[in-house]
Every structure is written in C-alpha cells, then in structure tokens.
C-alpha cells in the first residue's frame, strides 16, 4: 500500500462513516465494524431487537457507495429462485432467458434471514461463500464488489429457522446495535422531526475505488507473531471445557482479514495485536457452540473469548512499543 493511496482512501472511508453518523446517532462501533467487513470482502450478521436501526445502517452504507443496492425481505414462503433469479422462456427467441434475482446486486440487505426456510437461506449463503449461484445447472458469477448484511431478531422464535453453525460461519462478523442512550434518542427525534436524514446522503465512494481498497487491504502487513497470536486464541476455543465445538480454520482466516481491514481504516499498513484483541469477540464468538452444561451455567461464547484473551501471551516487538 502506498502512503498516497492510504491517505486518499482513508479520507473517503471517513466520509462514509460521517454519512452513517448523520443518519444513526451513537453507533460508531457497528458502523466502523460494518466497514471492516466490507473492506475485508466479508459479510455481516446484525442481530438485535426491532427498531434499533439495523436496516437503516445497511441502507445508509449502501447509499454512501456508488453500487447496486438490493433488498430481500425473507418470509416463510420465499423460494430460492426469488433470491437467485429464474430462467423464463422467450417465445420470440425460442430459448430461455435468465432474469437475475436480488442476489446479483453489489450490496444486498437480507432482512430477517431467519424467517425463511433453510433451502432458501442456502441460496443466499452459496453466493456468499462461492461468489456465484447455480440456476438450472448453470453457474452465474456475482458482481464485484459483493457484500451481504443480514439481519435477524433474536427475541421471536415462532416461525423462524435459526441459522446452523455451518452457515453462521459464513459471516465475517456478528454485530449488535443496542438501544441508544436518552441523549442519543433525543438527537434522533430532532434529526427526524421534519425529514429523514437518509434522504440527504450522497455516494462518496465509487465501485472501482472500493474494489481497489479491498485489494490494498490484502497487502496490509501482519507479522508472524501476530498470526501466532490469532492461532493461540482460536486453538484455545477448541480446547476450552465449555466449548462443544471451537472455531474452525475459517475463523482464523476471518480474524486475519478483519484485522487487516481494521488497520487500513485507521490509516496503518500493518496490524497490531490490539487490532486482533478488539476484533476477536465479533469475529469468533458466533463460531463457537457451547456444551449443554455451559449454557445451563450461563456461560456465553463472549465470556470464553474474553477469558482466552486475558490468558493469551500478547506478542510484543520493538515496532509495537
């Protein structure tokens, strides 16, 4: 990464964050972490109660990017073809034509993903993993960039299909929004009293610039000691007494990618151990399956990650001090 590019694109990233802050008050962390996933070429699962701004965050991010935005409202009767698209017979041409579904957008909002059947969920998740979808035996490449933000409500379970661990593993980060403070909610009322601020948002980052940034993020330097730090944390999840299933190697790669993107956003071309430590709960917690005993005792995956981070030996080198 050249210093010139770092400063150029860092200012563009700051503009995206400012756009989000214009619309959503007091959610700097979810906004920054959503950008981390976007720049790392990953995807985000937003899990929280209704009305806290999950969908608005995705819409604001999409409007800040000069990209095709598509929304899929997941319902129990949604079919895989409603996501991927379908081939329709054209009597004039005497052949089938493919009509692409919403998954062929650049930024895709998968709203209430746990409301639809596993068969339909898998249509989206195939695209997230393979960057392509299969329709009528034909493989169709997805557009670049391709970024999915899925939302789900953790409170209502009736008529839902919880994502299994193998599918949760496809998401780089799992985030929560949380309720605003009283002061933040007051600001929201003032901002939306006449017109919603999202209507004033303009694109500040082009599709081509985003693709360039994603390529540059991969060149961010990560010392081998920091890589070992990641491995120590991940290995610890597999050996922890409260974990029925620990984090897979995909989780190690995800944490590395997220740390590089986080460093880039903070205008660095190298990763610090603190980057890994901060991101670990967001990247790893949803990849852990707890034992029945641990659940009964009230243990959470976040508690396991916190314990491992406290006990792990943080790499210290001259350039970090």
C-alpha atoms as a PDB file:
ATOM      1  CA  UNK A   1       0.000   0.000   0.000  1.00  0.00           C
ATOM      2  CA  UNK A   2       1.424   3.381  -0.916  1.00  0.00           C
ATOM      3  CA  UNK A   3       1.162   6.246   1.534  1.00  0.00           C
ATOM      4  CA  UNK A   4      -0.605   8.313  -1.134  1.00  0.00           C
ATOM      5  CA  UNK A   5      -3.344   5.700  -1.549  1.00  0.00           C
ATOM      6  CA  UNK A   6      -3.640   5.245   2.192  1.00  0.00           C
ATOM      7  CA  UNK A   7      -4.403   8.929   2.749  1.00  0.00           C
ATOM      8  CA  UNK A   8      -6.628   9.238  -0.320  1.00  0.00           C
ATOM      9  CA  UNK A   9      -8.888   6.336   0.508  1.00  0.00           C
ATOM     10  CA  UNK A  10      -8.790   6.928   4.249  1.00  0.00           C
ATOM     11  CA  UNK A  11     -10.494  10.271   3.658  1.00  0.00           C
ATOM     12  CA  UNK A  12     -13.151   8.526   1.541  1.00  0.00           C
ATOM     13  CA  UNK A  13     -13.732   5.973   4.309  1.00  0.00           C
ATOM     14  CA  UNK A  14     -14.086   8.807   6.821  1.00  0.00           C
ATOM     15  CA  UNK A  15     -16.793  10.332   4.601  1.00  0.00           C
ATOM     16  CA  UNK A  16     -18.705   7.025   4.626  1.00  0.00           C
ATOM     17  CA  UNK A  17     -18.556   6.975   8.434  1.00  0.00           C
ATOM     18  CA  UNK A  18     -19.734  10.586   8.582  1.00  0.00           C
ATOM     19  CA  UNK A  19     -22.693   9.677   6.380  1.00  0.00           C
ATOM     20  CA  UNK A  20     -23.673   6.884   8.758  1.00  0.00           C
ATOM     21  CA  UNK A  21     -23.321   9.189  11.770  1.00  0.00           C
ATOM     22  CA  UNK A  22     -25.663  11.700  10.090  1.00  0.00           C
ATOM     23  CA  UNK A  23     -28.396   9.063   9.986  1.00  0.00           C
ATOM     24  CA  UNK A  24     -27.712   6.847  13.008  1.00  0.00           C
ATOM     25  CA  UNK A  25     -26.712   8.514  16.255  1.00  0.00           C
ATOM     26  CA  UNK A  26     -24.209   6.967  18.663  1.00  0.00           C
ATOM     27  CA  UNK A  27     -23.452   3.801  16.691  1.00  0.00           C
ATOM     28  CA  UNK A  28     -19.806   4.423  15.771  1.00  0.00           C
ATOM     29  CA  UNK A  29     -18.738   0.871  16.611  1.00  0.00           C
ATOM     30  CA  UNK A  30     -21.299  -1.005  14.435  1.00  0.00           C
ATOM     31  CA  UNK A  31     -20.651   1.494  11.633  1.00  0.00           C
ATOM     32  CA  UNK A  32     -16.877   1.001  11.742  1.00  0.00           C
ATOM     33  CA  UNK A  33     -17.158  -2.778  12.031  1.00  0.00           C
ATOM     34  CA  UNK A  34     -19.550  -2.910   9.065  1.00  0.00           C
ATOM     35  CA  UNK A  35     -16.894  -1.109   7.038  1.00  0.00           C
ATOM     36  CA  UNK A  36     -14.301  -3.589   8.304  1.00  0.00           C
ATOM     37  CA  UNK A  37     -16.356  -6.451   6.849  1.00  0.00           C
ATOM     38  CA  UNK A  38     -16.934  -4.570   3.592  1.00  0.00           C
ATOM     39  CA  UNK A  39     -13.233  -3.798   3.057  1.00  0.00           C
ATOM     40  CA  UNK A  40     -12.240  -7.336   4.066  1.00  0.00           C
ATOM     41  CA  UNK A  41     -14.594  -8.706   1.390  1.00  0.00           C
ATOM     42  CA  UNK A  42     -16.703 -10.391   4.065  1.00  0.00           C
ATOM     43  CA  UNK A  43     -20.321 -10.267   5.242  1.00  0.00           C
ATOM     44  CA  UNK A  44     -22.154  -9.138   8.380  1.00  0.00           C
ATOM     45  CA  UNK A  45     -24.931 -10.607  10.512  1.00  0.00           C
ATOM     46  CA  UNK A  46     -26.785  -7.945  12.520  1.00  0.00           C
ATOM     47  CA  UNK A  47     -28.736  -9.465  15.387  1.00  0.00           C
ATOM     48  CA  UNK A  48     -30.874  -7.257  17.599  1.00  0.00           C
ATOM     49  CA  UNK A  49     -34.426  -6.338  18.527  1.00  0.00           C
ATOM     50  CA  UNK A  50     -36.614  -4.460  16.001  1.00  0.00           C
ATOM     51  CA  UNK A  51     -36.372  -0.698  15.662  1.00  0.00           C
ATOM     52  CA  UNK A  52     -32.766  -0.075  16.720  1.00  0.00           C
ATOM     53  CA  UNK A  53     -31.514   0.843  13.243  1.00  0.00           C
ATOM     54  CA  UNK A  54     -30.272  -2.406  11.683  1.00  0.00           C
ATOM     55  CA  UNK A  55     -31.920  -1.860   8.310  1.00  0.00           C
ATOM     56  CA  UNK A  56     -31.172   1.871   8.353  1.00  0.00           C
ATOM     57  CA  UNK A  57     -27.458   1.148   8.858  1.00  0.00           C
ATOM     58  CA  UNK A  58     -27.398  -1.057   5.758  1.00  0.00           C
ATOM     59  CA  UNK A  59     -29.374   1.443   3.679  1.00  0.00           C
ATOM     60  CA  UNK A  60     -27.073   4.304   4.690  1.00  0.00           C
ATOM     61  CA  UNK A  61     -23.967   2.283   3.895  1.00  0.00           C
ATOM     62  CA  UNK A  62     -25.416   1.330   0.513  1.00  0.00           C
ATOM     63  CA  UNK A  63     -26.305   4.956  -0.322  1.00  0.00           C
ATOM     64  CA  UNK A  64     -22.757   6.017   0.569  1.00  0.00           C
ATOM     65  CA  UNK A  65     -21.409   3.630  -2.062  1.00  0.00           C
ATOM     66  CA  UNK A  66     -21.995   4.067  -5.781  1.00  0.00           C
ATOM     67  CA  UNK A  67     -23.131   0.437  -6.003  1.00  0.00           C
ATOM     68  CA  UNK A  68     -26.286  -1.502  -6.869  1.00  0.00           C
ATOM     69  CA  UNK A  69     -28.361  -1.989  -3.711  1.00  0.00           C
ATOM     70  CA  UNK A  70     -30.856  -4.846  -3.414  1.00  0.00           C
ATOM     71  CA  UNK A  71     -33.121  -5.820  -0.539  1.00  0.00           C
ATOM     72  CA  UNK A  72     -34.556  -9.265   0.145  1.00  0.00           C
ATOM     73  CA  UNK A  73     -37.359  -9.448   2.711  1.00  0.00           C
ATOM     74  CA  UNK A  74     -37.186 -13.037   3.897  1.00  0.00           C
ATOM     75  CA  UNK A  75     -40.566 -14.650   4.558  1.00  0.00           C
ATOM     76  CA  UNK A  76     -41.622 -18.299   5.141  1.00  0.00           C
ATOM     77  CA  UNK A  77     -42.929 -18.625   1.566  1.00  0.00           C
ATOM     78  CA  UNK A  78     -39.835 -17.191  -0.157  1.00  0.00           C
ATOM     79  CA  UNK A  79     -38.313 -19.561  -2.736  1.00  0.00           C
ATOM     80  CA  UNK A  80     -34.631 -19.963  -3.703  1.00  0.00           C
ATOM     81  CA  UNK A  81     -35.467 -18.654  -7.183  1.00  0.00           C
ATOM     82  CA  UNK A  82     -36.775 -15.438  -5.561  1.00  0.00           C
ATOM     83  CA  UNK A  83     -33.206 -14.879  -4.372  1.00  0.00           C
ATOM     84  CA  UNK A  84     -31.097 -16.134  -7.262  1.00  0.00           C
ATOM     85  CA  UNK A  85     -33.388 -15.432 -10.218  1.00  0.00           C
ATOM     86  CA  UNK A  86     -35.143 -17.705 -12.693  1.00  0.00           C
ATOM     87  CA  UNK A  87     -34.993 -18.754 -16.352  1.00  0.00           C
ATOM     88  CA  UNK A  88     -38.061 -17.697 -18.335  1.00  0.00           C
ATOM     89  CA  UNK A  89     -38.928 -18.973 -21.813  1.00  0.00           C
ATOM     90  CA  UNK A  90     -38.854 -16.318 -24.533  1.00  0.00           C
ATOM     91  CA  UNK A  91     -41.199 -17.428 -27.362  1.00  0.00           C
ATOM     92  CA  UNK A  92     -39.704 -14.889 -29.790  1.00  0.00           C
ATOM     93  CA  UNK A  93     -36.155 -16.141 -29.397  1.00  0.00           C
ATOM     94  CA  UNK A  94     -37.285 -19.739 -28.790  1.00  0.00           C
ATOM     95  CA  UNK A  95     -34.950 -20.046 -25.809  1.00  0.00           C
ATOM     96  CA  UNK A  96     -34.832 -19.482 -22.070  1.00  0.00           C
ATOM     97  CA  UNK A  97     -33.676 -16.132 -20.681  1.00  0.00           C
ATOM     98  CA  UNK A  98     -32.218 -15.693 -17.230  1.00  0.00           C
ATOM     99  CA  UNK A  99     -33.829 -12.998 -15.087  1.00  0.00           C
ATOM    100  CA  UNK A 100     -31.448 -12.246 -12.258  1.00  0.00           C
ATOM    101  CA  UNK A 101     -32.649 -12.040  -8.658  1.00  0.00           C
ATOM    102  CA  UNK A 102     -31.660  -9.541  -5.952  1.00  0.00           C
ATOM    103  CA  UNK A 103     -28.520 -11.516  -5.087  1.00  0.00           C
ATOM    104  CA  UNK A 104     -26.979 -10.036  -8.240  1.00  0.00           C
ATOM    105  CA  UNK A 105     -26.638  -6.644  -6.550  1.00  0.00           C
ATOM    106  CA  UNK A 106     -23.418  -5.237  -5.054  1.00  0.00           C
ATOM    107  CA  UNK A 107     -24.812  -4.519  -1.590  1.00  0.00           C
ATOM    108  CA  UNK A 108     -27.548  -6.929  -0.519  1.00  0.00           C
ATOM    109  CA  UNK A 109     -29.736  -6.479   2.557  1.00  0.00           C
ATOM    110  CA  UNK A 110     -31.056  -9.862   3.697  1.00  0.00           C
ATOM    111  CA  UNK A 111     -33.766  -8.716   6.093  1.00  0.00           C
ATOM    112  CA  UNK A 112     -34.876 -11.193   8.791  1.00  0.00           C
ATOM    113  CA  UNK A 113     -32.893 -14.061   7.287  1.00  0.00           C
ATOM    114  CA  UNK A 114     -34.142 -16.471   9.969  1.00  0.00           C
ATOM    115  CA  UNK A 115     -37.761 -16.060   8.764  1.00  0.00           C
ATOM    116  CA  UNK A 116     -37.270 -18.239   5.674  1.00  0.00           C
ATOM    117  CA  UNK A 117     -36.618 -21.946   5.157  1.00  0.00           C
ATOM    118  CA  UNK A 118     -33.097 -23.439   5.206  1.00  0.00           C
ATOM    119  CA  UNK A 119     -33.436 -24.209   1.473  1.00  0.00           C
ATOM    120  CA  UNK A 120     -33.901 -20.517   0.664  1.00  0.00           C
ATOM    121  CA  UNK A 121     -31.242 -19.468   3.166  1.00  0.00           C
ATOM    122  CA  UNK A 122     -28.767 -21.754   1.400  1.00  0.00           C
ATOM    123  CA  UNK A 123     -29.378 -19.952  -1.917  1.00  0.00           C
ATOM    124  CA  UNK A 124     -28.021 -16.759  -0.359  1.00  0.00           C
ATOM    125  CA  UNK A 125     -25.269 -18.490   1.591  1.00  0.00           C
ATOM    126  CA  UNK A 126     -23.966 -20.262  -1.520  1.00  0.00           C
ATOM    127  CA  UNK A 127     -23.431 -16.871  -3.120  1.00  0.00           C
ATOM    128  CA  UNK A 128     -21.683 -15.553  -0.008  1.00  0.00           C
ATOM    129  CA  UNK A 129     -19.243 -18.456   0.040  1.00  0.00           C
ATOM    130  CA  UNK A 130     -18.675 -19.136  -3.660  1.00  0.00           C
ATOM    131  CA  UNK A 131     -19.304 -15.653  -5.164  1.00  0.00           C
ATOM    132  CA  UNK A 132     -21.575 -17.428  -7.635  1.00  0.00           C
ATOM    133  CA  UNK A 133     -25.020 -19.035  -7.761  1.00  0.00           C
ATOM    134  CA  UNK A 134     -26.312 -22.081  -9.605  1.00  0.00           C
ATOM    135  CA  UNK A 135     -29.545 -21.729 -11.586  1.00  0.00           C
ATOM    136  CA  UNK A 136     -30.860 -24.575 -13.774  1.00  0.00           C
ATOM    137  CA  UNK A 137     -27.437 -26.206 -13.690  1.00  0.00           C
ATOM    138  CA  UNK A 138     -25.664 -23.034 -14.853  1.00  0.00           C
ATOM    139  CA  UNK A 139     -23.147 -21.199 -12.667  1.00  0.00           C
ATOM    140  CA  UNK A 140     -23.595 -17.423 -12.630  1.00  0.00           C
ATOM    141  CA  UNK A 141     -20.820 -15.226 -11.267  1.00  0.00           C
ATOM    142  CA  UNK A 142     -21.884 -12.478  -8.877  1.00  0.00           C
ATOM    143  CA  UNK A 143     -20.959  -8.828  -9.301  1.00  0.00           C
ATOM    144  CA  UNK A 144     -17.935  -7.313  -7.616  1.00  0.00           C
ATOM    145  CA  UNK A 145     -17.925  -5.965  -5.021  1.00  0.00           C
ATOM    146  CA  UNK A 146     -20.454  -8.257  -3.320  1.00  0.00           C
ATOM    147  CA  UNK A 147     -21.454  -7.525   0.265  1.00  0.00           C
ATOM    148  CA  UNK A 148     -24.292  -9.030   2.311  1.00  0.00           C
ATOM    149  CA  UNK A 149     -25.660  -7.601   5.538  1.00  0.00           C
ATOM    150  CA  UNK A 150     -28.228  -9.954   7.041  1.00  0.00           C
ATOM    151  CA  UNK A 151     -30.482  -9.058   9.961  1.00  0.00           C
ATOM    152  CA  UNK A 152     -32.346 -11.238  12.401  1.00  0.00           C
ATOM    153  CA  UNK A 153     -34.465 -10.752  15.510  1.00  0.00           C
ATOM    154  CA  UNK A 154     -33.210 -12.856  18.450  1.00  0.00           C
ATOM    155  CA  UNK A 155     -36.378 -12.398  20.511  1.00  0.00           C
ATOM    156  CA  UNK A 156     -39.101 -14.003  18.388  1.00  0.00           C
ATOM    157  CA  UNK A 157     -38.560 -17.699  17.668  1.00  0.00           C
ATOM    158  CA  UNK A 158     -42.037 -18.709  16.489  1.00  0.00           C
ATOM    159  CA  UNK A 159     -41.977 -19.488  12.766  1.00  0.00           C
ATOM    160  CA  UNK A 160     -38.236 -18.925  12.434  1.00  0.00           C
ATOM    161  CA  UNK A 161     -35.382 -21.102  11.189  1.00  0.00           C
ATOM    162  CA  UNK A 162     -32.220 -20.370  13.202  1.00  0.00           C
ATOM    163  CA  UNK A 163     -29.032 -20.428  11.147  1.00  0.00           C
ATOM    164  CA  UNK A 164     -26.937 -23.522  11.931  1.00  0.00           C
ATOM    165  CA  UNK A 165     -23.306 -23.086  12.936  1.00  0.00           C
ATOM    166  CA  UNK A 166     -22.031 -24.083   9.489  1.00  0.00           C
ATOM    167  CA  UNK A 167     -23.997 -21.176   7.996  1.00  0.00           C
ATOM    168  CA  UNK A 168     -23.187 -18.698  10.759  1.00  0.00           C
ATOM    169  CA  UNK A 169     -19.543 -19.408   9.923  1.00  0.00           C
ATOM    170  CA  UNK A 170     -20.050 -17.714   6.530  1.00  0.00           C
ATOM    171  CA  UNK A 171     -20.414 -14.315   8.218  1.00  0.00           C
ATOM    172  CA  UNK A 172     -17.173 -12.485   8.932  1.00  0.00           C
ATOM    173  CA  UNK A 173     -18.716 -10.532  11.817  1.00  0.00           C
ATOM    174  CA  UNK A 174     -21.767 -10.793  14.027  1.00  0.00           C
ATOM    175  CA  UNK A 175     -22.836  -7.427  15.450  1.00  0.00           C
ATOM    176  CA  UNK A 176     -25.457  -5.975  17.772  1.00  0.00           C
ATOM    177  CA  UNK A 177     -26.783  -2.418  17.692  1.00  0.00           C
ATOM    178  CA  UNK A 178     -28.181  -1.967  21.192  1.00  0.00           C
ATOM    179  CA  UNK A 179     -30.552   0.715  22.433  1.00  0.00           C
ATOM    180  CA  UNK A 180     -29.449   4.360  22.261  1.00  0.00           C
ATOM    181  CA  UNK A 181     -28.916   6.440  25.375  1.00  0.00           C
ATOM    182  CA  UNK A 182     -31.559   9.010  26.330  1.00  0.00           C
ATOM    183  CA  UNK A 183     -29.411  11.821  24.909  1.00  0.00           C
ATOM    184  CA  UNK A 184     -28.815   9.919  21.646  1.00  0.00           C
ATOM    185  CA  UNK A 185     -32.521   9.190  21.300  1.00  0.00           C
ATOM    186  CA  UNK A 186     -33.274  12.875  21.806  1.00  0.00           C
ATOM    187  CA  UNK A 187     -30.898  13.714  18.941  1.00  0.00           C
ATOM    188  CA  UNK A 188     -32.679  11.142  16.780  1.00  0.00           C
ATOM    189  CA  UNK A 189     -36.034  12.817  17.424  1.00  0.00           C
ATOM    190  CA  UNK A 190     -34.598  16.206  16.475  1.00  0.00           C
ATOM    191  CA  UNK A 191     -32.989  14.866  13.288  1.00  0.00           C
ATOM    192  CA  UNK A 192     -36.134  13.106  12.056  1.00  0.00           C
ATOM    193  CA  UNK A 193     -38.711  15.718  13.124  1.00  0.00           C
ATOM    194  CA  UNK A 194     -39.098  17.118   9.574  1.00  0.00           C
ATOM    195  CA  UNK A 195     -37.393  14.821   7.072  1.00  0.00           C
ATOM    196  CA  UNK A 196     -35.279  11.725   7.494  1.00  0.00           C
ATOM    197  CA  UNK A 197     -31.535  12.452   7.100  1.00  0.00           C
ATOM    198  CA  UNK A 198     -31.041   9.378   4.889  1.00  0.00           C
ATOM    199  CA  UNK A 199     -32.630  11.320   2.012  1.00  0.00           C
ATOM    200  CA  UNK A 200     -29.705  13.769   2.113  1.00  0.00           C
ATOM    201  CA  UNK A 201     -26.998  11.065   1.865  1.00  0.00           C
ATOM    202  CA  UNK A 202     -24.915  11.028  -1.318  1.00  0.00           C
ATOM    203  CA  UNK A 203     -22.464   8.439  -2.625  1.00  0.00           C
ATOM    204  CA  UNK A 204     -18.882   9.205  -1.576  1.00  0.00           C
ATOM    205  CA  UNK A 205     -17.096   6.018  -2.688  1.00  0.00           C
ATOM    206  CA  UNK A 206     -17.271   4.557  -6.185  1.00  0.00           C
ATOM    207  CA  UNK A 207     -17.437   0.883  -7.054  1.00  0.00           C
ATOM    208  CA  UNK A 208     -13.968   0.984  -8.636  1.00  0.00           C
ATOM    209  CA  UNK A 209     -12.437   2.701  -5.582  1.00  0.00           C
ATOM    210  CA  UNK A 210     -13.988   0.100  -3.287  1.00  0.00           C
ATOM    211  CA  UNK A 211     -12.539  -2.766  -5.340  1.00  0.00           C
ATOM    212  CA  UNK A 212      -9.110  -1.071  -5.227  1.00  0.00           C
ATOM    213  CA  UNK A 213      -9.342  -0.654  -1.446  1.00  0.00           C
ATOM    214  CA  UNK A 214     -10.300  -4.316  -0.993  1.00  0.00           C
ATOM    215  CA  UNK A 215      -7.191  -5.294  -2.968  1.00  0.00           C
ATOM    216  CA  UNK A 216      -4.966  -2.968  -0.939  1.00  0.00           C
ATOM    217  CA  UNK A 217      -6.335  -4.295   2.356  1.00  0.00           C
ATOM    218  CA  UNK A 218      -4.910  -7.718   1.454  1.00  0.00           C
ATOM    219  CA  UNK A 219      -1.434  -6.139   1.266  1.00  0.00           C
ATOM    220  CA  UNK A 220      -1.572  -4.834   4.850  1.00  0.00           C
ATOM    221  CA  UNK A 221       1.340  -6.427   6.725  1.00  0.00           C
ATOM    222  CA  UNK A 222       0.745  -8.903   9.545  1.00  0.00           C
ATOM    223  CA  UNK A 223       3.774 -10.119  11.478  1.00  0.00           C
ATOM    224  CA  UNK A 224       4.103 -13.853  12.023  1.00  0.00           C
ATOM    225  CA  UNK A 225       3.959 -13.320  15.782  1.00  0.00           C
ATOM    226  CA  UNK A 226       0.550 -11.689  15.394  1.00  0.00           C
ATOM    227  CA  UNK A 227      -0.537 -14.633  13.249  1.00  0.00           C
ATOM    228  CA  UNK A 228       0.558 -16.979  16.054  1.00  0.00           C
ATOM    229  CA  UNK A 229      -1.446 -14.825  18.474  1.00  0.00           C
ATOM    230  CA  UNK A 230      -4.547 -15.497  16.359  1.00  0.00           C
ATOM    231  CA  UNK A 231      -3.786 -19.223  16.302  1.00  0.00           C
ATOM    232  CA  UNK A 232      -3.349 -19.298  20.097  1.00  0.00           C
ATOM    233  CA  UNK A 233      -6.786 -17.721  20.606  1.00  0.00           C
ATOM    234  CA  UNK A 234      -8.514 -19.965  18.073  1.00  0.00           C
ATOM    235  CA  UNK A 235      -6.841 -23.122  19.393  1.00  0.00           C
ATOM    236  CA  UNK A 236      -7.964 -22.130  22.874  1.00  0.00           C
ATOM    237  CA  UNK A 237     -11.618 -22.177  21.777  1.00  0.00           C
ATOM    238  CA  UNK A 238     -11.217 -25.781  20.596  1.00  0.00           C
ATOM    239  CA  UNK A 239      -9.707 -26.887  23.909  1.00  0.00           C
ATOM    240  CA  UNK A 240     -11.965 -24.915  26.268  1.00  0.00           C
ATOM    241  CA  UNK A 241     -14.079 -27.084  28.574  1.00  0.00           C
ATOM    242  CA  UNK A 242     -17.220 -25.005  27.877  1.00  0.00           C
ATOM    243  CA  UNK A 243     -16.959 -25.356  24.089  1.00  0.00           C
ATOM    244  CA  UNK A 244     -18.625 -28.303  22.393  1.00  0.00           C
ATOM    245  CA  UNK A 245     -17.226 -27.077  19.072  1.00  0.00           C
ATOM    246  CA  UNK A 246     -14.463 -24.491  18.729  1.00  0.00           C
ATOM    247  CA  UNK A 247     -13.556 -22.077  15.954  1.00  0.00           C
ATOM    248  CA  UNK A 248     -12.599 -23.605  12.595  1.00  0.00           C
ATOM    249  CA  UNK A 249      -9.611 -22.534  10.448  1.00  0.00           C
ATOM    250  CA  UNK A 250     -12.066 -20.355   8.525  1.00  0.00           C
ATOM    251  CA  UNK A 251     -12.373 -18.326  11.713  1.00  0.00           C
ATOM    252  CA  UNK A 252      -8.589 -17.815  11.876  1.00  0.00           C
ATOM    253  CA  UNK A 253      -8.586 -16.519   8.303  1.00  0.00           C
ATOM    254  CA  UNK A 254     -11.597 -14.296   9.035  1.00  0.00           C
ATOM    255  CA  UNK A 255      -9.863 -12.721  12.047  1.00  0.00           C
ATOM    256  CA  UNK A 256      -6.733 -12.063   9.965  1.00  0.00           C
ATOM    257  CA  UNK A 257      -8.756 -10.431   7.170  1.00  0.00           C
ATOM    258  CA  UNK A 258     -10.770  -8.321   9.619  1.00  0.00           C
ATOM    259  CA  UNK A 259      -7.624  -7.148  11.437  1.00  0.00           C
ATOM    260  CA  UNK A 260      -6.049  -6.035   8.140  1.00  0.00           C
ATOM    261  CA  UNK A 261      -9.175  -4.063   7.208  1.00  0.00           C
ATOM    262  CA  UNK A 262      -9.345  -2.502  10.688  1.00  0.00           C
ATOM    263  CA  UNK A 263      -5.704  -1.397  10.389  1.00  0.00           C
ATOM    264  CA  UNK A 264      -6.390   0.079   6.941  1.00  0.00           C
ATOM    265  CA  UNK A 265      -9.354   2.075   8.229  1.00  0.00           C
ATOM    266  CA  UNK A 266      -7.052   3.511  10.912  1.00  0.00           C
ATOM    267  CA  UNK A 267      -4.531   4.513   8.227  1.00  0.00           C
ATOM    268  CA  UNK A 268      -1.942   1.845   9.020  1.00  0.00           C
ATOM    269  CA  UNK A 269      -0.305  -0.620   6.642  1.00  0.00           C
ATOM    270  CA  UNK A 270       0.439  -3.074   9.469  1.00  0.00           C
ATOM    271  CA  UNK A 271      -1.662  -4.955  12.040  1.00  0.00           C
ATOM    272  CA  UNK A 272      -1.238  -4.502  15.794  1.00  0.00           C
ATOM    273  CA  UNK A 273      -2.010  -7.201  18.376  1.00  0.00           C
ATOM    274  CA  UNK A 274      -4.586  -4.764  19.805  1.00  0.00           C
ATOM    275  CA  UNK A 275      -6.472  -4.927  16.490  1.00  0.00           C
ATOM    276  CA  UNK A 276      -6.795  -8.686  16.866  1.00  0.00           C
ATOM    277  CA  UNK A 277      -7.759  -8.416  20.528  1.00  0.00           C
ATOM    278  CA  UNK A 278     -10.505  -5.875  19.803  1.00  0.00           C
ATOM    279  CA  UNK A 279     -11.989  -7.771  16.853  1.00  0.00           C
ATOM    280  CA  UNK A 280     -11.821 -11.311  18.281  1.00  0.00           C
ATOM    281  CA  UNK A 281     -15.256 -11.283  20.031  1.00  0.00           C
ATOM    282  CA  UNK A 282     -17.027 -10.000  16.899  1.00  0.00           C
ATOM    283  CA  UNK A 283     -15.306 -12.488  14.575  1.00  0.00           C
ATOM    284  CA  UNK A 284     -15.103 -15.611  16.741  1.00  0.00           C
ATOM    285  CA  UNK A 285     -17.991 -15.701  19.237  1.00  0.00           C
ATOM    286  CA  UNK A 286     -20.678 -16.794  16.750  1.00  0.00           C
ATOM    287  CA  UNK A 287     -18.438 -19.645  15.576  1.00  0.00           C
ATOM    288  CA  UNK A 288     -18.424 -21.390  18.974  1.00  0.00           C
ATOM    289  CA  UNK A 289     -21.007 -23.981  20.054  1.00  0.00           C
ATOM    290  CA  UNK A 290     -21.323 -24.295  23.827  1.00  0.00           C
ATOM    291  CA  UNK A 291     -21.859 -27.503  25.774  1.00  0.00           C
ATOM    292  CA  UNK A 292     -25.237 -28.025  27.447  1.00  0.00           C
ATOM    293  CA  UNK A 293     -23.589 -27.670  30.863  1.00  0.00           C
ATOM    294  CA  UNK A 294     -22.035 -24.343  29.900  1.00  0.00           C
ATOM    295  CA  UNK A 295     -25.369 -22.980  28.699  1.00  0.00           C
ATOM    296  CA  UNK A 296     -27.019 -24.114  31.938  1.00  0.00           C
ATOM    297  CA  UNK A 297     -24.316 -22.338  33.950  1.00  0.00           C
ATOM    298  CA  UNK A 298     -24.878 -19.116  31.987  1.00  0.00           C
ATOM    299  CA  UNK A 299     -21.574 -19.185  30.137  1.00  0.00           C
ATOM    300  CA  UNK A 300     -21.508 -17.322  26.814  1.00  0.00           C
ATOM    301  CA  UNK A 301     -19.171 -17.536  23.843  1.00  0.00           C
ATOM    302  CA  UNK A 302     -18.117 -13.938  24.528  1.00  0.00           C
ATOM    303  CA  UNK A 303     -17.028 -14.963  28.031  1.00  0.00           C
ATOM    304  CA  UNK A 304     -14.852 -17.731  26.572  1.00  0.00           C
ATOM    305  CA  UNK A 305     -13.198 -15.287  24.152  1.00  0.00           C
ATOM    306  CA  UNK A 306     -12.607 -12.774  26.956  1.00  0.00           C
ATOM    307  CA  UNK A 307     -11.012 -15.465  29.139  1.00  0.00           C
ATOM    308  CA  UNK A 308      -8.735 -16.607  26.308  1.00  0.00           C
ATOM    309  CA  UNK A 309      -7.681 -13.035  25.517  1.00  0.00           C
ATOM    310  CA  UNK A 310      -6.823 -12.442  29.177  1.00  0.00           C
ATOM    311  CA  UNK A 311      -4.650 -15.559  29.270  1.00  0.00           C
ATOM    312  CA  UNK A 312      -3.037 -15.346  25.820  1.00  0.00           C
ATOM    313  CA  UNK A 313       0.509 -14.046  25.553  1.00  0.00           C
ATOM    314  CA  UNK A 314       0.387 -10.785  23.578  1.00  0.00           C
ATOM    315  CA  UNK A 315       3.271 -10.507  21.083  1.00  0.00           C
ATOM    316  CA  UNK A 316       5.492  -7.508  21.767  1.00  0.00           C
ATOM    317  CA  UNK A 317       8.083  -6.293  19.285  1.00  0.00           C
ATOM    318  CA  UNK A 318      10.117  -3.152  19.088  1.00  0.00           C
ATOM    319  CA  UNK A 319       7.967  -1.558  16.401  1.00  0.00           C
ATOM    320  CA  UNK A 320       4.833  -2.014  18.541  1.00  0.00           C
ATOM    321  CA  UNK A 321       6.228  -0.311  21.629  1.00  0.00           C
END
